[in-house]
């Protein structure tokens, strides 16, 4: 049985962070978008509003390491909110960051509704700059018993969460 620890609630309703590394904070947000948002205009509009809200809450964590991940039900290039957040550097698409670092043409697909599907990339892991700089590995797990969506595995160097300076 999994247990979670209640760290309290921030004024905007977000859960307060885990303490990691040498005392830094890590904020984890899970997102589940409106189903079929990629294919239906009304659902896309609902999903975009939720994406904007999730991005705003996650961005409100400032320079604390922050991850917003889940099934966005739309690829990044089909969402105005995702496109803006990624193009301004507010958030980084960890799948894209890793695939570029490995010299791949594009990030791995994450969603296969049918065995014959070409796949899409609607399951995403977005981070702010501080957490992106700690990314060591990003893997889309293909060989699992989970249907349709492939889990995302990320490894970070948590030692990078705390910076020290001298006065």
Foldseek 3Di string as FASTA:
>chain_A
DDDDDQQDADPVGAGFFDADAPGATEGEAEDDAQAPLQPDVVSVVVLLVVLLVVLVVQLVVPLGKYKYWYQSNHAQVSHPSSVVCCVVQQKHFLQQVQCVVVVHPGGDFFFDQDPPDPGHNRTTMIIHPQFSVFWDDWDFDDPDPDPGGTDIDTDGDRNSRDDDDDD
